Amino acid sequence: MVQVVVACAPEGSPPLVYVVSEMQVPEKRRGENNERLMFVLYGTAPGVIITGYQASSMDAINFPENVRWLR
């Protein structure tokens, strides 16, 4: 499962891209308190990762109201 979301950033800023997927990190590298999902927030400049987190479910991720689901 991969979900892609585009959100409008504050006025004058480029949009933000959220990518949510089932955990792709190998089990032995995850640590003790890993969650089922991993999401990464990308900027639109090439290679820019703003932040990344693990989440237990899609409901646990606080998406902005002005999002467009792409996939």
C-alpha atoms as a PDB file:
ATOM      1  CA  MET A   1       0.000   0.000   0.000  1.00  0.00           C
ATOM      2  CA  VAL A   2       1.303   3.418  -0.986  1.00  0.00           C
ATOM      3  CA  GLN A   3      -0.783   6.584  -0.634  1.00  0.00           C
ATOM      4  CA  VAL A   4       0.297   9.941  -2.047  1.00  0.00           C
ATOM      5  CA  VAL A   5      -1.229  13.211  -0.863  1.00  0.00           C
ATOM      6  CA  VAL A   6      -0.547  16.762  -2.039  1.00  0.00           C
ATOM      7  CA  ALA A   7      -1.316  19.627   0.346  1.00  0.00           C
ATOM      8  CA  CYS A   8      -1.278  23.337  -0.274  1.00  0.00           C
ATOM      9  CA  ALA A   9       1.316  25.039   1.867  1.00  0.00           C
ATOM     10  CA  PRO A  10       0.920  28.534   3.340  1.00  0.00           C
ATOM     11  CA  GLU A  11       0.416  31.256   0.735  1.00  0.00           C
ATOM     12  CA  GLY A  12       3.463  31.813  -1.430  1.00  0.00           C
ATOM     13  CA  SER A  13       5.028  28.456  -0.556  1.00  0.00           C
ATOM     14  CA  PRO A  14       5.235  25.404  -2.817  1.00  0.00           C
ATOM     15  CA  PRO A  15       2.911  22.447  -2.104  1.00  0.00           C
ATOM     16  CA  LEU A  16       3.880  19.621   0.236  1.00  0.00           C
ATOM     17  CA  VAL A  17       3.812  15.949  -0.739  1.00  0.00           C
ATOM     18  CA  TYR A  18       3.002  13.232   1.816  1.00  0.00           C
ATOM     19  CA  VAL A  19       3.858   9.626   0.977  1.00  0.00           C
ATOM     20  CA  VAL A  20       2.444   6.944   3.289  1.00  0.00           C
ATOM     21  CA  SER A  21       3.318   3.263   2.957  1.00  0.00           C
ATOM     22  CA  GLU A  22       3.448   0.009   4.811  1.00  0.00           C
ATOM     23  CA  MET A  23       6.732  -0.237   6.672  1.00  0.00           C
ATOM     24  CA  GLN A  24       9.559  -0.841   4.185  1.00  0.00           C
ATOM     25  CA  VAL A  25      12.445  -0.830   6.674  1.00  0.00           C
ATOM     26  CA  PRO A  26      13.761  -4.361   7.366  1.00  0.00           C
ATOM     27  CA  GLU A  27      12.577  -5.783  10.715  1.00  0.00           C
ATOM     28  CA  LYS A  28      16.074  -5.952  12.212  1.00  0.00           C
ATOM     29  CA  ARG A  29      16.620  -2.200  11.580  1.00  0.00           C
ATOM     30  CA  ARG A  30      13.300  -0.888  12.964  1.00  0.00           C
ATOM     31  CA  GLY A  31      13.967  -0.573  16.686  1.00  0.00           C
ATOM     32  CA  GLU A  32      11.791  -1.632  19.598  1.00  0.00           C
ATOM     33  CA  ASN A  33       8.674   0.566  19.240  1.00  0.00           C
ATOM     34  CA  ASN A  34       8.049   0.497  15.503  1.00  0.00           C
ATOM     35  CA  GLU A  35       4.638   1.172  13.973  1.00  0.00           C
ATOM     36  CA  ARG A  36       2.815  -0.348  10.979  1.00  0.00           C
ATOM     37  CA  LEU A  37       3.058   2.695   8.664  1.00  0.00           C
ATOM     38  CA  MET A  38       5.777   5.130   7.709  1.00  0.00           C
ATOM     39  CA  PHE A  39       5.102   8.526   6.197  1.00  0.00           C
ATOM     40  CA  VAL A  40       7.482  11.039   4.726  1.00  0.00           C
ATOM     41  CA  LEU A  41       6.755  14.699   4.045  1.00  0.00           C
ATOM     42  CA  TYR A  42       8.612  15.920   0.964  1.00  0.00           C
ATOM     43  CA  GLY A  43       9.137  19.429  -0.356  1.00  0.00           C
ATOM     44  CA  THR A  44       8.831  19.955  -4.089  1.00  0.00           C
ATOM     45  CA  ALA A  45      12.513  20.743  -4.619  1.00  0.00           C
ATOM     46  CA  PRO A  46      14.431  17.656  -5.805  1.00  0.00           C
ATOM     47  CA  GLY A  47      15.628  15.467  -2.949  1.00  0.00           C
ATOM     48  CA  VAL A  48      14.112  17.518  -0.111  1.00  0.00           C
ATOM     49  CA  ILE A  49      12.727  15.485   2.801  1.00  0.00           C
ATOM     50  CA  ILE A  50      11.117  17.721   5.414  1.00  0.00           C
ATOM     51  CA  THR A  51      10.338  15.053   8.006  1.00  0.00           C
ATOM     52  CA  GLY A  52       9.378  11.416   8.419  1.00  0.00           C
ATOM     53  CA  TYR A  53       7.505   9.490  11.090  1.00  0.00           C
ATOM     54  CA  GLN A  54       5.975   6.139  11.876  1.00  0.00           C
ATOM     55  CA  ALA A  55       2.246   5.836  12.539  1.00  0.00           C
ATOM     56  CA  SER A  56      -0.084   3.112  13.764  1.00  0.00           C
ATOM     57  CA  SER A  57      -2.831   3.958  11.221  1.00  0.00           C
ATOM     58  CA  MET A  58      -3.909   6.552   8.645  1.00  0.00           C
ATOM     59  CA  ASP A  59      -6.157   8.093  11.308  1.00  0.00           C
ATOM     60  CA  ALA A  60      -3.084   8.776  13.458  1.00  0.00           C
ATOM     61  CA  ILE A  61      -1.623  11.101  10.792  1.00  0.00           C
ATOM     62  CA  ASN A  62      -2.862  14.677  11.002  1.00  0.00           C
ATOM     63  CA  PHE A  63      -3.234  15.758   7.363  1.00  0.00           C
ATOM     64  CA  PRO A  64      -4.170  19.370   6.600  1.00  0.00           C
ATOM     65  CA  GLU A  65      -7.747  19.989   5.403  1.00  0.00           C
ATOM     66  CA  ASN A  66      -6.726  21.107   1.904  1.00  0.00           C
ATOM     67  CA  VAL A  67      -5.267  17.840   0.607  1.00  0.00           C
ATOM     68  CA  ARG A  68      -5.694  16.010  -2.681  1.00  0.00           C
ATOM     69  CA  TRP A  69      -5.307  12.230  -2.681  1.00  0.00           C
ATOM     70  CA  LEU A  70      -3.402  11.149  -5.762  1.00  0.00           C
ATOM     71  CA  ARG A  71      -3.160   7.443  -5.210  1.00  0.00           C
END
